[in-house]
Amino acid sequence: MHGAKQRPADAHPGQWVLIAPESATDPPKTPDSEPLFTKLRNPSTGEATLYLFNSGAQQLFEVKAFHEEYRSWFIGQTVQQDGRLLFITPMDPLFLMLYYLIKADKEQQGKFQPLDQVMLDSDYPSCPLLLKCADVKQYIHHITEEKEIGSQKFHKYSQEKTLKWLKKKVNQTVKALEGNNISVGERVCAPTFISDKQTTDTKEDYVRYAHGLISEYIPEDLSKELLKYLGLLELKSSAPEPPLKMPAQRCAKKK
């Protein structure tokens, strides 16, 4: 656990208690490159969401808060009133960049642009820090077409390459689920009001469940395109079954 003092301006005063990998809280190499908690645009909803950049913004982390009412922490001789427990996990910055690449592609009608012009957001001034993440330069070709003119590189969103990249993410997730013997069949069927219980998980169950997990990090329209790319039909919620008829003896009038 670590007490993190870096926080956005609208956060509660004091410290946060968090569980994080060491790479998220490594000491900064320079005074101006400390780990930074900041809000960025959620790639699925577009709403403000808390993230963490490590020292020098080389890596992005997702911040999930576990909160229970009436919880506090004892830290040394003090009481931490904010009883939330933050879980810090690595996050692929390409997911957050997709929102801006898709937006630029629509607004600029598919024109190539420098990434530093695409990754601008007046509502989220920390947005350009995504370009400093080590994974971006190495893997940006998975979601964009690239053109180099002189010493400058230009990019534009590629849905074809993005779907191929996302399919790999789904397959990796399926492999992890199967490898850890995690049952997903009933979770997939629950939203569709299917009453028959399944005893074993099918390959499709795993793929659908993995698609749902990945869809939490991409826009809804792209999620639908990914579903078709995976060769899956969209599940429609069937009407709930009518209530069972009451036994005749309970319906009969007393004579």
Protein backbone atom coordinates (compact mmCIF):
# COMPACT_ATOMS: atom_id res chain seq x y z
CA MET A 1 0.00 0.00 0.00
CA HIS A 2 1.12 3.55 -0.60
CA GLY A 3 -0.07 6.95 0.57
CA ALA A 4 -0.30 9.17 -2.50
CA LYS A 5 -0.10 12.90 -1.98
CA GLN A 6 -0.45 13.86 -5.63
CA ARG A 7 -4.12 14.49 -6.41
CA PRO A 8 -6.35 16.63 -8.63
CA ALA A 9 -7.40 20.04 -7.41
CA ASP A 10 -10.97 18.97 -6.66
CA ALA A 11 -9.95 15.96 -4.53
CA HIS A 12 -10.45 15.75 -0.80
CA PRO A 13 -7.48 16.99 1.27
CA GLY A 14 -5.15 14.49 2.88
CA GLN A 15 -3.78 11.23 1.56
CA TRP A 16 -5.14 8.32 -0.40
CA VAL A 17 -4.61 4.69 0.43
CA LEU A 18 -3.89 2.65 -2.66
CA ILE A 19 -2.62 -0.68 -3.93
CA ALA A 20 -0.32 -0.20 -6.89
CA PRO A 21 2.59 -1.82 -8.73
CA GLU A 22 6.00 -0.38 -7.91
CA SER A 23 6.30 1.12 -11.38
CA ALA A 24 3.36 3.42 -10.62
CA THR A 25 5.04 5.04 -7.63
CA ASP A 26 8.73 5.06 -8.59
CA PRO A 27 10.53 8.20 -7.34
CA PRO A 28 10.82 10.93 -9.99
CA LYS A 29 14.15 11.46 -11.74
CA THR A 30 13.56 15.22 -11.86
CA PRO A 31 11.51 17.49 -9.54
CA ASP A 32 8.97 18.26 -12.29
CA SER A 33 8.25 14.63 -13.23
CA GLU A 34 6.43 13.32 -10.16
CA PRO A 35 3.57 10.80 -10.47
CA LEU A 36 0.37 12.62 -11.36
CA PHE A 37 -3.26 11.84 -10.62
CA THR A 38 -5.39 13.56 -13.24
CA LYS A 39 -8.77 13.34 -14.92
CA LEU A 40 -8.97 12.32 -18.56
CA ARG A 41 -11.85 11.60 -20.93
CA ASN A 42 -13.18 8.06 -20.47
CA PRO A 43 -12.77 6.27 -23.83
CA SER A 44 -16.17 4.58 -23.54
CA THR A 45 -18.43 7.23 -22.00
CA GLY A 46 -16.53 10.44 -22.72
CA GLU A 47 -16.94 11.46 -19.08
CA ALA A 48 -14.21 12.59 -16.67
CA THR A 49 -12.37 9.64 -15.12
CA LEU A 50 -9.39 9.49 -12.78
CA TYR A 51 -6.09 8.11 -14.07
CA LEU A 52 -2.48 8.07 -12.92
CA PHE A 53 0.69 8.89 -14.87
CA ASN A 54 3.85 7.52 -13.31
CA SER A 55 7.13 9.46 -13.06
CA GLY A 56 7.81 11.22 -16.34
CA ALA A 57 4.42 10.09 -17.72
CA GLN A 58 6.07 6.99 -19.20
CA GLN A 59 3.14 4.76 -18.24
CA LEU A 60 -0.60 5.23 -17.73
CA PHE A 61 -2.62 3.56 -14.98
CA GLU A 62 -6.33 3.13 -14.42
CA VAL A 63 -7.67 4.10 -10.99
CA LYS A 64 -10.55 2.11 -9.51
CA ALA A 65 -11.99 3.10 -6.12
CA PHE A 66 -13.47 0.61 -3.67
CA HIS A 67 -15.72 2.50 -1.29
CA GLU A 68 -17.76 1.47 1.72
CA GLU A 69 -19.82 3.80 3.85
CA TYR A 70 -18.42 4.70 7.27
CA ARG A 71 -14.88 3.54 6.45
CA SER A 72 -11.73 5.35 7.62
CA TRP A 73 -8.02 4.53 7.75
CA PHE A 74 -5.58 4.82 10.65
CA ILE A 75 -2.26 6.05 9.24
CA GLY A 76 0.39 6.46 11.90
CA GLN A 77 -1.13 8.65 14.59
CA THR A 78 -3.74 10.18 12.31
CA VAL A 79 -7.16 9.20 10.99
CA GLN A 80 -7.69 9.28 7.23
CA GLN A 81 -11.36 10.23 6.80
CA ASP A 82 -11.42 9.32 3.09
CA GLY A 83 -11.88 5.57 3.53
CA ARG A 84 -11.66 4.64 -0.14
CA LEU A 85 -9.19 2.01 -1.29
CA LEU A 86 -7.75 2.78 -4.71
CA PHE A 87 -6.61 0.00 -7.03
CA ILE A 88 -4.01 1.08 -9.59
CA THR A 89 -3.61 -1.12 -12.68
CA PRO A 90 -1.70 -0.57 -15.96
CA MET A 91 -3.78 0.89 -18.78
CA ASP A 92 -3.05 0.85 -22.50
CA PRO A 93 -3.01 4.54 -23.55
CA LEU A 94 -4.13 3.61 -27.06
CA PHE A 95 -7.66 3.09 -25.70
CA LEU A 96 -7.83 6.72 -24.59
CA MET A 97 -6.32 7.93 -27.86
CA LEU A 98 -8.99 6.15 -29.91
CA TYR A 99 -11.62 8.70 -28.86
CA TYR A 100 -9.59 11.57 -30.30
CA LEU A 101 -8.44 9.73 -33.42
CA ILE A 102 -12.02 8.79 -34.32
CA LYS A 103 -13.20 12.34 -33.62
CA ALA A 104 -10.42 13.85 -35.78
CA ASP A 105 -11.12 11.39 -38.57
CA LYS A 106 -14.74 12.53 -38.73
CA GLU A 107 -14.00 16.25 -38.43
CA GLN A 108 -11.05 16.27 -40.86
CA GLN A 109 -12.61 13.78 -43.31
CA GLY A 110 -9.83 11.26 -43.01
CA LYS A 111 -6.89 13.65 -43.40
CA PHE A 112 -3.49 12.78 -41.95
CA GLN A 113 -2.47 14.93 -38.97
CA PRO A 114 0.38 15.17 -36.46
CA LEU A 115 -0.60 13.40 -33.23
CA ASP A 116 0.13 16.51 -31.15
CA GLN A 117 -2.66 18.27 -33.05
CA VAL A 118 -5.07 15.37 -32.54
CA MET A 119 -4.44 14.98 -28.82
CA LEU A 120 -5.74 18.36 -27.69
CA ASP A 121 -8.66 18.84 -25.31
CA SER A 122 -9.35 22.13 -23.54
CA ASP A 123 -11.43 20.31 -20.91
CA TYR A 124 -8.59 17.90 -20.09
CA PRO A 125 -5.23 19.75 -20.23
CA SER A 126 -3.30 16.58 -19.28
CA CYS A 127 -4.44 14.85 -22.47
CA PRO A 128 -1.16 15.52 -24.40
CA LEU A 129 0.73 13.56 -21.73
CA LEU A 130 -0.61 10.40 -23.36
CA LEU A 131 1.89 10.99 -26.17
CA LYS A 132 4.76 10.66 -23.68
CA CYS A 133 3.80 7.09 -22.74
CA ALA A 134 6.41 4.63 -23.94
CA ASP A 135 3.85 2.29 -25.56
CA VAL A 136 2.39 4.95 -27.84
CA LYS A 137 5.32 5.38 -30.24
CA GLN A 138 5.86 1.63 -30.38
CA TYR A 139 2.25 0.56 -30.96
CA ILE A 140 0.39 3.51 -32.50
CA HIS A 141 0.59 1.74 -35.89
CA HIS A 142 -1.96 -0.80 -34.56
CA ILE A 143 -4.76 1.78 -34.76
CA THR A 144 -3.62 4.32 -37.37
CA GLU A 145 -2.32 4.70 -40.89
CA GLU A 146 1.03 6.48 -40.87
CA LYS A 147 2.69 8.82 -43.35
CA GLU A 148 6.11 10.38 -42.98
CA ILE A 149 7.02 13.66 -44.67
CA GLY A 150 10.57 14.75 -44.04
CA SER A 151 11.23 14.26 -40.35
CA GLN A 152 7.57 14.59 -39.30
CA LYS A 153 5.04 11.78 -38.98
CA PHE A 154 1.33 12.12 -39.72
CA HIS A 155 -1.44 9.75 -38.67
CA LYS A 156 -5.11 9.04 -39.30
CA TYR A 157 -7.50 6.60 -37.68
CA SER A 158 -7.84 3.16 -39.27
CA GLN A 159 -10.91 1.17 -38.26
CA GLU A 160 -9.65 -1.92 -40.07
CA LYS A 161 -6.36 -1.98 -38.14
CA THR A 162 -8.13 -1.08 -34.89
CA LEU A 163 -10.57 -3.99 -35.17
CA LYS A 164 -7.68 -6.35 -35.84
CA TRP A 165 -5.88 -4.99 -32.76
CA LEU A 166 -8.99 -5.27 -30.61
CA LYS A 167 -9.55 -8.85 -31.73
CA LYS A 168 -6.08 -9.68 -30.42
CA LYS A 169 -7.04 -8.05 -27.11
CA VAL A 170 -10.19 -10.20 -26.98
CA ASN A 171 -8.21 -13.36 -27.72
CA GLN A 172 -5.66 -12.50 -25.01
CA THR A 173 -8.50 -11.97 -22.54
CA VAL A 174 -10.13 -15.28 -23.50
CA LYS A 175 -6.82 -17.07 -22.98
CA ALA A 176 -6.44 -15.50 -19.53
CA LEU A 177 -10.00 -16.43 -18.52
CA GLU A 178 -9.64 -20.02 -19.67
CA GLY A 179 -6.19 -20.33 -18.14
CA ASN A 180 -7.54 -19.29 -14.75
CA ASN A 181 -10.63 -21.54 -15.04
CA ILE A 182 -13.01 -18.60 -14.67
CA SER A 183 -16.60 -19.55 -15.47
CA VAL A 184 -18.40 -16.98 -17.62
CA GLY A 185 -21.39 -18.80 -19.16
CA GLU A 186 -24.04 -17.73 -16.65
CA ARG A 187 -22.75 -14.14 -16.68
CA VAL A 188 -23.14 -14.00 -20.45
CA CYS A 189 -26.65 -15.45 -20.35
CA ALA A 190 -27.95 -13.46 -17.36
CA PRO A 191 -28.75 -10.21 -19.25
CA THR A 192 -30.76 -12.17 -21.85
CA PHE A 193 -33.18 -13.71 -19.34
CA ILE A 194 -32.23 -17.24 -20.41
CA SER A 195 -33.42 -19.57 -17.68
CA ASP A 196 -31.67 -22.78 -18.76
CA LYS A 197 -28.50 -23.30 -16.72
CA GLN A 198 -25.32 -24.18 -18.54
CA THR A 199 -22.92 -26.62 -17.00
CA THR A 200 -19.96 -25.83 -19.25
CA ASP A 201 -18.67 -22.67 -20.89
CA THR A 202 -18.49 -22.62 -24.67
CA LYS A 203 -15.88 -20.82 -26.74
CA GLU A 204 -18.54 -18.29 -27.73
CA ASP A 205 -19.30 -17.62 -24.05
CA TYR A 206 -15.68 -16.68 -23.46
CA VAL A 207 -15.47 -14.52 -26.56
CA ARG A 208 -18.69 -12.69 -25.69
CA TYR A 209 -17.55 -12.10 -22.13
CA ALA A 210 -14.13 -10.87 -23.28
CA HIS A 211 -15.85 -8.58 -25.78
CA GLY A 212 -17.89 -7.12 -22.93
CA LEU A 213 -14.76 -6.43 -20.90
CA ILE A 214 -12.98 -4.73 -23.83
CA SER A 215 -16.13 -2.73 -24.61
CA GLU A 216 -15.72 -0.90 -21.30
CA TYR A 217 -12.76 0.89 -22.90
CA ILE A 218 -14.07 1.76 -26.38
CA PRO A 219 -16.99 3.80 -27.80
CA GLU A 220 -20.31 2.02 -28.22
CA ASP A 221 -20.28 2.21 -32.02
CA LEU A 222 -16.86 0.60 -32.14
CA SER A 223 -18.02 -2.08 -29.71
CA LYS A 224 -20.81 -3.02 -32.12
CA GLU A 225 -18.38 -3.14 -35.04
CA LEU A 226 -16.07 -5.35 -33.00
CA LEU A 227 -18.93 -7.74 -32.24
CA LYS A 228 -19.56 -8.18 -35.97
CA TYR A 229 -15.82 -8.49 -36.65
CA LEU A 230 -15.70 -11.35 -34.14
CA GLY A 231 -18.50 -13.08 -36.07
CA LEU A 232 -21.00 -12.79 -33.22
CA LEU A 233 -24.65 -11.80 -33.38
CA GLU A 234 -25.93 -9.14 -31.03
CA LEU A 235 -27.93 -10.77 -28.26
CA LYS A 236 -31.44 -9.42 -27.87
CA SER A 237 -33.03 -9.46 -24.44
CA SER A 238 -36.00 -11.76 -24.69
CA ALA A 239 -39.22 -10.98 -22.89
CA PRO A 240 -39.40 -12.44 -19.39
CA GLU A 241 -41.46 -15.58 -19.11
CA PRO A 242 -45.04 -15.06 -17.91
CA PRO A 243 -45.73 -16.03 -14.29
CA LEU A 244 -46.80 -19.58 -13.65
CA LYS A 245 -50.53 -20.16 -13.42
CA MET A 246 -51.81 -20.47 -9.90
CA PRO A 247 -52.82 -24.00 -8.81
CA ALA A 248 -56.44 -24.78 -9.48
CA GLN A 249 -57.24 -25.31 -5.83
CA ARG A 250 -56.06 -21.79 -4.98
CA CYS A 251 -58.04 -20.24 -7.83
CA ALA A 252 -61.26 -22.06 -7.11
CA LYS A 253 -63.87 -20.18 -5.16
CA LYS A 254 -64.95 -21.56 -1.90
CA LYS A 255 -68.44 -23.00 -1.99
